[in-house]
Amino acid sequence: MKAVFFYVMLFVPFLISAQNTEYETEQIIWEGKTYPYRYHHLEQYFNYHPEKRPVVNTDSTIINRNYIAIFEIKESTLYLNDLLVSLKHSEDKNQSVLEELNQKKGPLPLHWVTGLFEFGIGPEKFHKHDSTLVYYDDYIVFEVNRGKIGRIENFSYNEMKLFKDYQHRRFVQKNDYKRLLERLKKNGMSEVEASSHVYHYILFYSRSNFLRKTH
């Protein structure tokens, strides 16, 4: 997989601002409740298996992917529970096409996914100076290794900020950070936009081992 694919597909705040387009999140089920989820694991799969993509995205960005994936954490595994698309002449994504991906039927384990991910709990809030960046009072942060769930932690907003700050300080000292900034700028971001983007998605980009809470 080309590395640039990851960067382009994660430009969500940048692309929303540039295109003035409404962004639909994926969903994730945790302990029986459904939450908005901003990681798009199926794009990795469709990059390897383009013939499996259920609908054609109109401009190769994550905003216009034309589906909603519903994930679930259960039995120490990250699953795809459902994949929803729109029927003809409808904008509502309520038609399941999961069986087209998983001939065995039932949830599909995401064995290709590895890294640190998070989702927010509670009402969405927006930063005063950037309405495209959402934050929450509480977060679930979890590590995944080839689809298997490792540690799971609950973070308050302040704990999450400390955690991301620490991850970011470590990451900016690496050559990977400089290379990432250059790739982001080549794809149209300014220096400020690229730096902000990396910080916002630092759990994805740093790919560090899970840390204890920082108090």
C-alpha atoms as a PDB file:
ATOM      1  CA  MET A   1       0.000   0.000   0.000  1.00  0.00           C
ATOM      2  CA  LYS A   2       1.345   3.411  -0.860  1.00  0.00           C
ATOM      3  CA  ALA A   3       2.017   5.453   2.251  1.00  0.00           C
ATOM      4  CA  VAL A   4       0.455   8.574   0.753  1.00  0.00           C
ATOM      5  CA  PHE A   5      -2.912   6.796   0.791  1.00  0.00           C
ATOM      6  CA  PHE A   6      -3.073   7.040   4.582  1.00  0.00           C
ATOM      7  CA  TYR A   7      -2.411  10.752   4.565  1.00  0.00           C
ATOM      8  CA  VAL A   8      -4.972  11.600   1.906  1.00  0.00           C
ATOM      9  CA  MET A   9      -7.716   9.542   3.520  1.00  0.00           C
ATOM     10  CA  LEU A  10      -7.188  11.205   6.902  1.00  0.00           C
ATOM     11  CA  PHE A  11      -7.477  14.801   5.657  1.00  0.00           C
ATOM     12  CA  VAL A  12     -11.017  15.010   6.986  1.00  0.00           C
ATOM     13  CA  PRO A  13     -10.961  18.417   8.765  1.00  0.00           C
ATOM     14  CA  PHE A  14      -8.808  19.940   6.004  1.00  0.00           C
ATOM     15  CA  LEU A  15     -11.055  18.682   3.213  1.00  0.00           C
ATOM     16  CA  ILE A  16     -14.284  19.681   4.944  1.00  0.00           C
ATOM     17  CA  SER A  17     -12.998  23.215   5.324  1.00  0.00           C
ATOM     18  CA  ALA A  18     -11.780  23.365   1.728  1.00  0.00           C
ATOM     19  CA  GLN A  19     -14.861  21.806   0.133  1.00  0.00           C
ATOM     20  CA  ASN A  20     -17.589  23.003   2.537  1.00  0.00           C
ATOM     21  CA  THR A  21     -18.885  19.430   2.508  1.00  0.00           C
ATOM     22  CA  GLU A  22     -20.813  17.640   5.223  1.00  0.00           C
ATOM     23  CA  TYR A  23     -18.814  14.764   6.690  1.00  0.00           C
ATOM     24  CA  GLU A  24     -20.482  11.550   7.872  1.00  0.00           C
ATOM     25  CA  THR A  25     -18.559   9.576  10.463  1.00  0.00           C
ATOM     26  CA  GLU A  26     -18.398   5.821  10.699  1.00  0.00           C
ATOM     27  CA  GLN A  27     -19.925   4.274  13.830  1.00  0.00           C
ATOM     28  CA  ILE A  28     -18.520   2.037  16.541  1.00  0.00           C
ATOM     29  CA  ILE A  29     -20.400  -0.069  19.083  1.00  0.00           C
ATOM     30  CA  TRP A  30     -18.904  -0.289  22.556  1.00  0.00           C
ATOM     31  CA  GLU A  31     -20.673  -2.105  25.403  1.00  0.00           C
ATOM     32  CA  GLY A  32     -23.966  -2.008  23.517  1.00  0.00           C
ATOM     33  CA  LYS A  33     -23.914   1.726  22.705  1.00  0.00           C
ATOM     34  CA  THR A  34     -23.115   3.355  19.357  1.00  0.00           C
ATOM     35  CA  TYR A  35     -20.682   6.265  18.999  1.00  0.00           C
ATOM     36  CA  PRO A  36     -19.323   8.370  16.093  1.00  0.00           C
ATOM     37  CA  TYR A  37     -15.981   7.003  14.875  1.00  0.00           C
ATOM     38  CA  ARG A  38     -13.511   8.896  12.682  1.00  0.00           C
ATOM     39  CA  TYR A  39     -11.176   6.134  11.524  1.00  0.00           C
ATOM     40  CA  HIS A  40     -11.904   4.565   8.150  1.00  0.00           C
ATOM     41  CA  HIS A  41     -10.447   1.073   8.328  1.00  0.00           C
ATOM     42  CA  LEU A  42     -12.224  -0.204   5.235  1.00  0.00           C
ATOM     43  CA  GLU A  43     -10.322   2.171   2.976  1.00  0.00           C
ATOM     44  CA  GLN A  44      -7.190   0.131   3.674  1.00  0.00           C
ATOM     45  CA  TYR A  45      -9.088  -2.988   2.652  1.00  0.00           C
ATOM     46  CA  PHE A  46     -10.547  -1.422  -0.503  1.00  0.00           C
ATOM     47  CA  ASN A  47      -7.127  -0.155  -1.529  1.00  0.00           C
ATOM     48  CA  TYR A  48      -5.982  -3.775  -1.731  1.00  0.00           C
ATOM     49  CA  HIS A  49      -9.309  -5.090  -3.078  1.00  0.00           C
ATOM     50  CA  PRO A  50     -10.879  -2.331  -5.214  1.00  0.00           C
ATOM     51  CA  GLU A  51     -13.303  -4.839  -6.753  1.00  0.00           C
ATOM     52  CA  LYS A  52     -14.898  -5.238  -3.304  1.00  0.00           C
ATOM     53  CA  ARG A  53     -15.832  -1.557  -2.970  1.00  0.00           C
ATOM     54  CA  PRO A  54     -19.650  -1.568  -2.888  1.00  0.00           C
ATOM     55  CA  VAL A  55     -20.088   1.913  -4.379  1.00  0.00           C
ATOM     56  CA  VAL A  56     -17.826   4.258  -6.296  1.00  0.00           C
ATOM     57  CA  ASN A  57     -16.655   7.268  -4.337  1.00  0.00           C
ATOM     58  CA  THR A  58     -17.080  10.381  -6.428  1.00  0.00           C
ATOM     59  CA  ASP A  59     -13.727  12.094  -5.907  1.00  0.00           C
ATOM     60  CA  SER A  60     -11.375   9.653  -4.092  1.00  0.00           C
ATOM     61  CA  THR A  61     -11.713  11.420  -0.730  1.00  0.00           C
ATOM     62  CA  ILE A  62     -13.000   9.944   2.490  1.00  0.00           C
ATOM     63  CA  ILE A  63     -15.768  12.541   2.642  1.00  0.00           C
ATOM     64  CA  ASN A  64     -17.425  11.142  -0.487  1.00  0.00           C
ATOM     65  CA  ARG A  65     -16.808   7.454   0.154  1.00  0.00           C
ATOM     66  CA  ASN A  66     -20.598   6.843  -0.155  1.00  0.00           C
ATOM     67  CA  TYR A  67     -20.924   4.282   2.627  1.00  0.00           C
ATOM     68  CA  ILE A  68     -21.059   4.067   6.422  1.00  0.00           C
ATOM     69  CA  ALA A  69     -19.206   1.305   8.229  1.00  0.00           C
ATOM     70  CA  ILE A  70     -20.410   0.120  11.630  1.00  0.00           C
ATOM     71  CA  PHE A  71     -17.629  -1.380  13.760  1.00  0.00           C
ATOM     72  CA  GLU A  72     -17.831  -3.128  17.118  1.00  0.00           C
ATOM     73  CA  ILE A  73     -15.383  -4.031  19.863  1.00  0.00           C
ATOM     74  CA  LYS A  74     -16.327  -7.386  21.338  1.00  0.00           C
ATOM     75  CA  GLU A  75     -14.679 -10.624  22.401  1.00  0.00           C
ATOM     76  CA  SER A  76     -11.287  -8.835  22.363  1.00  0.00           C
ATOM     77  CA  THR A  77     -11.603  -8.254  18.603  1.00  0.00           C
ATOM     78  CA  LEU A  78     -12.428  -5.308  16.339  1.00  0.00           C
ATOM     79  CA  TYR A  79     -15.201  -6.293  13.914  1.00  0.00           C
ATOM     80  CA  LEU A  80     -17.040  -4.795  10.993  1.00  0.00           C
ATOM     81  CA  ASN A  81     -20.671  -5.305  12.027  1.00  0.00           C
ATOM     82  CA  ASP A  82     -22.312  -3.806   8.970  1.00  0.00           C
ATOM     83  CA  LEU A  83     -21.684  -1.766   5.831  1.00  0.00           C
ATOM     84  CA  LEU A  84     -24.477   0.562   4.723  1.00  0.00           C
ATOM     85  CA  VAL A  85     -25.010   2.233   1.349  1.00  0.00           C
ATOM     86  CA  SER A  86     -27.843   4.185  -0.262  1.00  0.00           C
ATOM     87  CA  LEU A  87     -30.448   2.662  -2.523  1.00  0.00           C
ATOM     88  CA  LYS A  88     -31.035   4.304  -5.901  1.00  0.00           C
ATOM     89  CA  HIS A  89     -32.746   7.699  -5.701  1.00  0.00           C
ATOM     90  CA  SER A  90     -32.157   7.873  -1.928  1.00  0.00           C
ATOM     91  CA  GLU A  91     -29.599   9.713   0.186  1.00  0.00           C
ATOM     92  CA  ASP A  92     -30.198   7.590   3.299  1.00  0.00           C
ATOM     93  CA  LYS A  93     -27.541   4.957   3.847  1.00  0.00           C
ATOM     94  CA  ASN A  94     -29.635   2.051   5.142  1.00  0.00           C
ATOM     95  CA  GLN A  95     -28.977  -0.808   2.704  1.00  0.00           C
ATOM     96  CA  SER A  96     -26.631  -3.475   4.112  1.00  0.00           C
ATOM     97  CA  VAL A  97     -23.998  -4.912   1.745  1.00  0.00           C
ATOM     98  CA  LEU A  98     -21.924  -6.705   4.378  1.00  0.00           C
ATOM     99  CA  GLU A  99     -22.466 -10.099   2.753  1.00  0.00           C
ATOM    100  CA  GLU A 100     -20.652  -8.866  -0.358  1.00  0.00           C
ATOM    101  CA  LEU A 101     -17.499  -8.562   1.770  1.00  0.00           C
ATOM    102  CA  ASN A 102     -17.970 -11.511   4.084  1.00  0.00           C
ATOM    103  CA  GLN A 103     -19.254 -14.661   2.424  1.00  0.00           C
ATOM    104  CA  LYS A 104     -19.140 -16.455   5.781  1.00  0.00           C
ATOM    105  CA  LYS A 105     -21.878 -14.085   6.954  1.00  0.00           C
ATOM    106  CA  GLY A 106     -21.848 -12.333  10.297  1.00  0.00           C
ATOM    107  CA  PRO A 107     -19.352  -9.730  11.555  1.00  0.00           C
ATOM    108  CA  LEU A 108     -16.006  -9.469   9.744  1.00  0.00           C
ATOM    109  CA  PRO A 109     -12.853  -9.388  11.952  1.00  0.00           C
ATOM    110  CA  LEU A 110     -10.501  -6.582  10.891  1.00  0.00           C
ATOM    111  CA  HIS A 111      -7.249  -8.531  10.890  1.00  0.00           C
ATOM    112  CA  TRP A 112      -5.440  -5.847   8.832  1.00  0.00           C
ATOM    113  CA  VAL A 113      -5.884  -3.103  11.483  1.00  0.00           C
ATOM    114  CA  THR A 114      -3.031  -2.236  13.865  1.00  0.00           C
ATOM    115  CA  GLY A 115      -2.482   0.908  15.910  1.00  0.00           C
ATOM    116  CA  LEU A 116      -3.923   3.216  18.560  1.00  0.00           C
ATOM    117  CA  PHE A 117      -7.451   4.580  18.073  1.00  0.00           C
ATOM    118  CA  GLU A 118     -10.038   6.513  20.035  1.00  0.00           C
ATOM    119  CA  PHE A 119     -13.641   7.631  20.060  1.00  0.00           C
ATOM    120  CA  GLY A 120     -15.471  10.196  22.150  1.00  0.00           C
ATOM    121  CA  ILE A 121     -18.225   9.598  24.684  1.00  0.00           C
ATOM    122  CA  GLY A 122     -20.965  12.138  25.275  1.00  0.00           C
ATOM    123  CA  PRO A 123     -22.067  15.210  23.293  1.00  0.00           C
ATOM    124  CA  GLU A 124     -19.857  16.536  20.511  1.00  0.00           C
ATOM    125  CA  LYS A 125     -18.188  19.887  21.162  1.00  0.00           C
ATOM    126  CA  PHE A 126     -16.332  22.113  18.726  1.00  0.00           C
ATOM    127  CA  HIS A 127     -13.203  24.185  19.164  1.00  0.00           C
ATOM    128  CA  LYS A 128     -13.778  27.934  19.157  1.00  0.00           C
ATOM    129  CA  HIS A 129     -11.200  28.625  16.449  1.00  0.00           C
ATOM    130  CA  ASP A 130     -11.803  25.520  14.292  1.00  0.00           C
ATOM    131  CA  SER A 131     -15.360  24.258  13.891  1.00  0.00           C
ATOM    132  CA  THR A 132     -14.180  21.146  12.003  1.00  0.00           C
ATOM    133  CA  LEU A 133     -12.357  19.711  15.037  1.00  0.00           C
ATOM    134  CA  VAL A 134     -14.609  17.842  17.459  1.00  0.00           C
ATOM    135  CA  TYR A 135     -13.789  17.096  21.079  1.00  0.00           C
ATOM    136  CA  TYR A 136     -15.510  15.311  23.968  1.00  0.00           C
ATOM    137  CA  ASP A 137     -15.469  15.307  27.751  1.00  0.00           C
ATOM    138  CA  ASP A 138     -14.476  11.621  27.793  1.00  0.00           C
ATOM    139  CA  TYR A 139     -12.735   9.191  25.449  1.00  0.00           C
ATOM    140  CA  ILE A 140     -12.145   5.490  25.003  1.00  0.00           C
ATOM    141  CA  VAL A 141      -8.615   4.810  23.768  1.00  0.00           C
ATOM    142  CA  PHE A 142      -7.714   1.308  22.628  1.00  0.00           C
ATOM    143  CA  GLU A 143      -4.843  -0.501  20.979  1.00  0.00           C
ATOM    144  CA  VAL A 144      -5.270  -2.991  18.149  1.00  0.00           C
ATOM    145  CA  ASN A 145      -2.785  -5.559  16.854  1.00  0.00           C
ATOM    146  CA  ARG A 146      -3.958  -7.267  13.660  1.00  0.00           C
ATOM    147  CA  GLY A 147      -7.562  -6.873  14.694  1.00  0.00           C
ATOM    148  CA  LYS A 148      -7.085  -8.076  18.266  1.00  0.00           C
ATOM    149  CA  ILE A 149      -7.813  -5.606  21.066  1.00  0.00           C
ATOM    150  CA  GLY A 150      -5.057  -4.940  23.580  1.00  0.00           C
ATOM    151  CA  ARG A 151      -5.370  -2.426  26.371  1.00  0.00           C
ATOM    152  CA  ILE A 152      -8.409  -0.185  26.673  1.00  0.00           C
ATOM    153  CA  GLU A 153      -8.443   2.971  28.770  1.00  0.00           C
ATOM    154  CA  ASN A 154     -10.972   5.677  29.577  1.00  0.00           C
ATOM    155  CA  PHE A 155      -9.590   9.231  29.430  1.00  0.00           C
ATOM    156  CA  SER A 156     -11.119  12.519  30.476  1.00  0.00           C
ATOM    157  CA  TYR A 157     -10.597  15.473  28.117  1.00  0.00           C
ATOM    158  CA  ASN A 158      -7.619  16.685  30.163  1.00  0.00           C
ATOM    159  CA  GLU A 159      -6.080  13.214  30.382  1.00  0.00           C
ATOM    160  CA  MET A 160      -6.497  12.812  26.636  1.00  0.00           C
ATOM    161  CA  LYS A 161      -4.761  16.119  26.002  1.00  0.00           C
ATOM    162  CA  LEU A 162      -1.831  15.160  28.229  1.00  0.00           C
ATOM    163  CA  PHE A 163      -1.603  11.792  26.510  1.00  0.00           C
ATOM    164  CA  LYS A 164      -1.594  13.340  23.029  1.00  0.00           C
ATOM    165  CA  ASP A 165       0.900  16.021  24.097  1.00  0.00           C
ATOM    166  CA  TYR A 166       3.299  13.354  25.322  1.00  0.00           C
ATOM    167  CA  GLN A 167       2.899  11.268  22.154  1.00  0.00           C
ATOM    168  CA  HIS A 168       3.389  14.375  20.036  1.00  0.00           C
ATOM    169  CA  ARG A 169       6.569  15.467  21.845  1.00  0.00           C
ATOM    170  CA  ARG A 170       8.073  12.043  21.199  1.00  0.00           C
ATOM    171  CA  PHE A 171       6.976  11.911  17.578  1.00  0.00           C
ATOM    172  CA  VAL A 172       8.274  15.347  16.507  1.00  0.00           C
ATOM    173  CA  GLN A 173      11.810  14.266  17.440  1.00  0.00           C
ATOM    174  CA  LYS A 174      11.751  11.536  14.796  1.00  0.00           C
ATOM    175  CA  ASN A 175      12.610  11.781  11.109  1.00  0.00           C
ATOM    176  CA  ASP A 176       9.189  10.270  10.389  1.00  0.00           C
ATOM    177  CA  TYR A 177       7.624  13.537  11.531  1.00  0.00           C
ATOM    178  CA  LYS A 178       9.607  15.639   9.047  1.00  0.00           C
ATOM    179  CA  ARG A 179       8.823  13.249   6.210  1.00  0.00           C
ATOM    180  CA  LEU A 180       5.142  13.278   7.130  1.00  0.00           C
ATOM    181  CA  LEU A 181       4.982  17.093   7.147  1.00  0.00           C
ATOM    182  CA  GLU A 182       6.538  17.218   3.682  1.00  0.00           C
ATOM    183  CA  ARG A 183       4.012  14.714   2.329  1.00  0.00           C
ATOM    184  CA  LEU A 184       1.121  16.642   3.832  1.00  0.00           C
ATOM    185  CA  LYS A 185       2.355  19.919   2.348  1.00  0.00           C
ATOM    186  CA  LYS A 186       2.801  18.317  -1.059  1.00  0.00           C
ATOM    187  CA  ASN A 187      -0.857  17.285  -0.837  1.00  0.00           C
ATOM    188  CA  GLY A 188      -1.963  20.889  -0.370  1.00  0.00           C
ATOM    189  CA  MET A 189      -1.662  21.711   3.336  1.00  0.00           C
ATOM    190  CA  SER A 190       0.140  24.740   4.689  1.00  0.00           C
ATOM    191  CA  GLU A 191       2.776  24.319   7.388  1.00  0.00           C
ATOM    192  CA  VAL A 192       0.277  25.314  10.087  1.00  0.00           C
ATOM    193  CA  GLU A 193      -2.461  23.022   8.726  1.00  0.00           C
ATOM    194  CA  ALA A 194      -0.054  20.077   8.485  1.00  0.00           C
ATOM    195  CA  SER A 195       1.235  20.544  12.035  1.00  0.00           C
ATOM    196  CA  SER A 196      -2.301  20.845  13.415  1.00  0.00           C
ATOM    197  CA  HIS A 197      -3.425  17.782  11.474  1.00  0.00           C
ATOM    198  CA  VAL A 198      -0.565  15.633  12.811  1.00  0.00           C
ATOM    199  CA  TYR A 199      -1.299  16.679  16.389  1.00  0.00           C
ATOM    200  CA  HIS A 200      -5.017  15.948  16.032  1.00  0.00           C
ATOM    201  CA  TYR A 201      -4.327  12.447  14.658  1.00  0.00           C
ATOM    202  CA  ILE A 202      -1.174  11.781  16.664  1.00  0.00           C
ATOM    203  CA  LEU A 203      -2.411   8.424  17.976  1.00  0.00           C
ATOM    204  CA  PHE A 204      -2.676   7.169  14.410  1.00  0.00           C
ATOM    205  CA  TYR A 205       0.610   8.614  13.201  1.00  0.00           C
ATOM    206  CA  SER A 206       2.828   7.855  16.198  1.00  0.00           C
ATOM    207  CA  ARG A 207       1.853   4.161  16.351  1.00  0.00           C
ATOM    208  CA  SER A 208       3.560   4.007  19.749  1.00  0.00           C
ATOM    209  CA  ASN A 209       2.993   1.429  22.446  1.00  0.00           C
ATOM    210  CA  PHE A 210       0.078   2.144  24.711  1.00  0.00           C
ATOM    211  CA  LEU A 211       0.939   4.373  27.662  1.00  0.00           C
ATOM    212  CA  ARG A 212      -0.404   4.623  31.162  1.00  0.00           C
ATOM    213  CA  LYS A 213      -2.518   7.639  32.001  1.00  0.00           C
ATOM    214  CA  THR A 214      -0.507  10.786  32.597  1.00  0.00           C
ATOM    215  CA  HIS A 215      -1.618  12.611  35.746  1.00  0.00           C
END
